[in-house]
Protein backbone atom coordinates (compact mmCIF):
# COMPACT_ATOMS: atom_id res chain seq x y z
CA UNK A 1 9.43 32.80 -34.28
CA UNK A 2 10.12 31.72 -37.91
CA UNK A 3 12.27 29.12 -36.33
CA UNK A 4 9.53 27.80 -34.04
CA UNK A 5 6.99 27.74 -36.98
CA UNK A 6 9.59 25.87 -39.14
CA UNK A 7 10.05 23.01 -36.38
CA UNK A 8 6.03 22.83 -35.73
CA UNK A 9 5.34 20.30 -38.35
CA UNK A 10 8.20 17.94 -37.25
CA UNK A 11 6.74 18.36 -33.77
CA UNK A 12 3.13 17.15 -34.93
CA UNK A 13 4.20 14.25 -36.96
CA UNK A 14 6.53 12.93 -34.18
CA UNK A 15 3.36 13.56 -31.88
CA UNK A 16 1.06 11.68 -34.70
CA UNK A 17 3.28 8.80 -34.99
CA UNK A 18 4.12 8.10 -31.42
CA UNK A 19 0.76 8.19 -30.12
CA UNK A 20 -0.38 4.82 -31.31
CA UNK A 21 2.90 3.16 -29.79
CA UNK A 22 1.98 4.54 -26.62
CA UNK A 23 -1.47 3.69 -26.53
CA UNK A 24 -0.67 0.16 -27.76
CA UNK A 25 1.49 -0.56 -24.26
CA UNK A 26 -0.18 -1.22 -20.90
CA UNK A 27 0.43 1.38 -17.98
CA UNK A 28 3.18 -0.38 -16.80
CA UNK A 29 5.77 -2.01 -18.94
CA UNK A 30 5.62 -5.77 -18.50
CA UNK A 31 1.86 -5.94 -18.37
CA UNK A 32 0.22 -7.20 -21.41
CA UNK A 33 -2.83 -5.85 -22.69
CA UNK A 34 -5.87 -7.51 -21.56
CA UNK A 35 -4.09 -9.04 -18.40
CA UNK A 36 -6.87 -7.63 -16.11
CA UNK A 37 -5.33 -9.63 -13.03
CA UNK A 38 -2.04 -7.76 -13.43
CA UNK A 39 -3.85 -4.50 -14.41
CA UNK A 40 -6.21 -4.71 -11.05
CA UNK A 41 -2.73 -5.13 -8.94
CA UNK A 42 -1.14 -2.39 -10.61
CA UNK A 43 -3.99 0.10 -9.89
CA UNK A 44 -4.58 -1.16 -6.47
CA UNK A 45 -0.94 -0.38 -5.53
CA UNK A 46 -1.09 3.00 -7.55
CA UNK A 47 -4.16 3.82 -5.20
CA UNK A 48 -2.04 2.75 -2.09
CA UNK A 49 0.99 4.96 -3.29
CA UNK A 50 -1.81 7.80 -3.63
CA UNK A 51 -3.15 7.52 -0.26
CA UNK A 52 0.10 7.53 1.40
CA UNK A 53 0.88 10.90 -0.49
CA UNK A 54 -2.63 12.04 0.65
CA UNK A 55 -1.64 11.21 4.47
CA UNK A 56 1.87 12.93 3.79
CA UNK A 57 -0.03 16.11 2.75
CA UNK A 58 -2.59 16.21 5.23
CA UNK A 59 -0.11 15.75 7.79
CA UNK A 60 2.06 18.51 6.53
CA UNK A 61 -0.90 20.76 6.46
CA UNK A 62 -1.61 19.97 10.06
CA UNK A 63 1.91 20.78 10.93
CA UNK A 64 1.61 24.00 9.35
CA UNK A 65 -1.70 25.03 11.30
CA UNK A 66 -0.55 23.27 14.55
CA UNK A 67 2.94 24.74 14.60
CA UNK A 68 3.10 27.74 12.89
CA UNK A 69 6.46 29.01 15.10
CA UNK A 70 8.40 26.53 13.15
CA UNK A 71 7.89 27.97 9.59
CA UNK A 72 9.19 31.11 8.57
CA UNK A 73 6.26 31.52 6.08
CA UNK A 74 4.43 34.73 6.21
CA UNK A 75 1.17 33.18 5.24
CA UNK A 76 1.11 29.98 6.96
CA UNK A 77 -2.87 29.83 6.11
CA UNK A 78 -1.67 29.82 2.52
CA UNK A 79 0.73 27.19 3.09
CA UNK A 80 -1.83 24.91 4.80
CA UNK A 81 -4.44 25.35 2.04
CA UNK A 82 -1.79 24.55 -0.77
CA UNK A 83 -1.11 21.20 1.35
CA UNK A 84 -4.70 20.57 1.41
CA UNK A 85 -5.01 21.02 -2.33
CA UNK A 86 -2.45 18.62 -3.06
CA UNK A 87 -3.93 16.10 -0.81
CA UNK A 88 -7.26 16.51 -2.56
CA UNK A 89 -5.69 16.13 -5.84
CA UNK A 90 -4.09 12.81 -4.56
CA UNK A 91 -7.25 11.61 -2.93
CA UNK A 92 -9.02 11.83 -6.23
CA UNK A 93 -6.19 9.92 -8.28
CA UNK A 94 -6.48 7.23 -5.50
CA UNK A 95 -10.08 6.95 -5.89
CA UNK A 96 -9.68 6.79 -9.67
CA UNK A 97 -7.07 4.36 -9.37
CA UNK A 98 -9.33 2.19 -6.82
CA UNK A 99 -12.34 2.36 -9.51
CA UNK A 100 -9.77 1.22 -12.27
CA UNK A 101 -8.79 -1.72 -10.04
CA UNK A 102 -12.27 -2.70 -9.03
CA UNK A 103 -13.17 -2.67 -12.79
CA UNK A 104 -10.44 -4.65 -13.67
CA UNK A 105 -10.72 -7.11 -10.94
CA UNK A 106 -14.32 -7.86 -12.31
CA UNK A 107 -13.53 -8.43 -15.52
CA UNK A 108 -10.86 -10.98 -14.13
CA UNK A 109 -13.98 -12.75 -12.64
CA UNK A 110 -15.79 -12.92 -15.99
CA UNK A 111 -13.12 -13.78 -17.86
CA UNK A 112 -11.77 -12.82 -21.34
């Protein structure tokens, strides 16, 4: 415990100095801060990737529900519910990414 407490100030300082440099960069290396067109494309791509993951997890849940004989799990309903929760999380992320894409696209139209 003592060693952890000795290292804690170092970790805090590392985070304090690292956070501004992380905040200064965009979400993707190579996208300049304020490049709304590139940011809109980045977030639109992210939304599509998240939607694909939603489809995967929804399909996995359906597979559990419609073909329980294929799985060795004792509680298929829990497995399906878990997959549905993951799909809901990705759906929320897709919606947020799409909203960010839309916001940056509108900023592109307005200009700097």
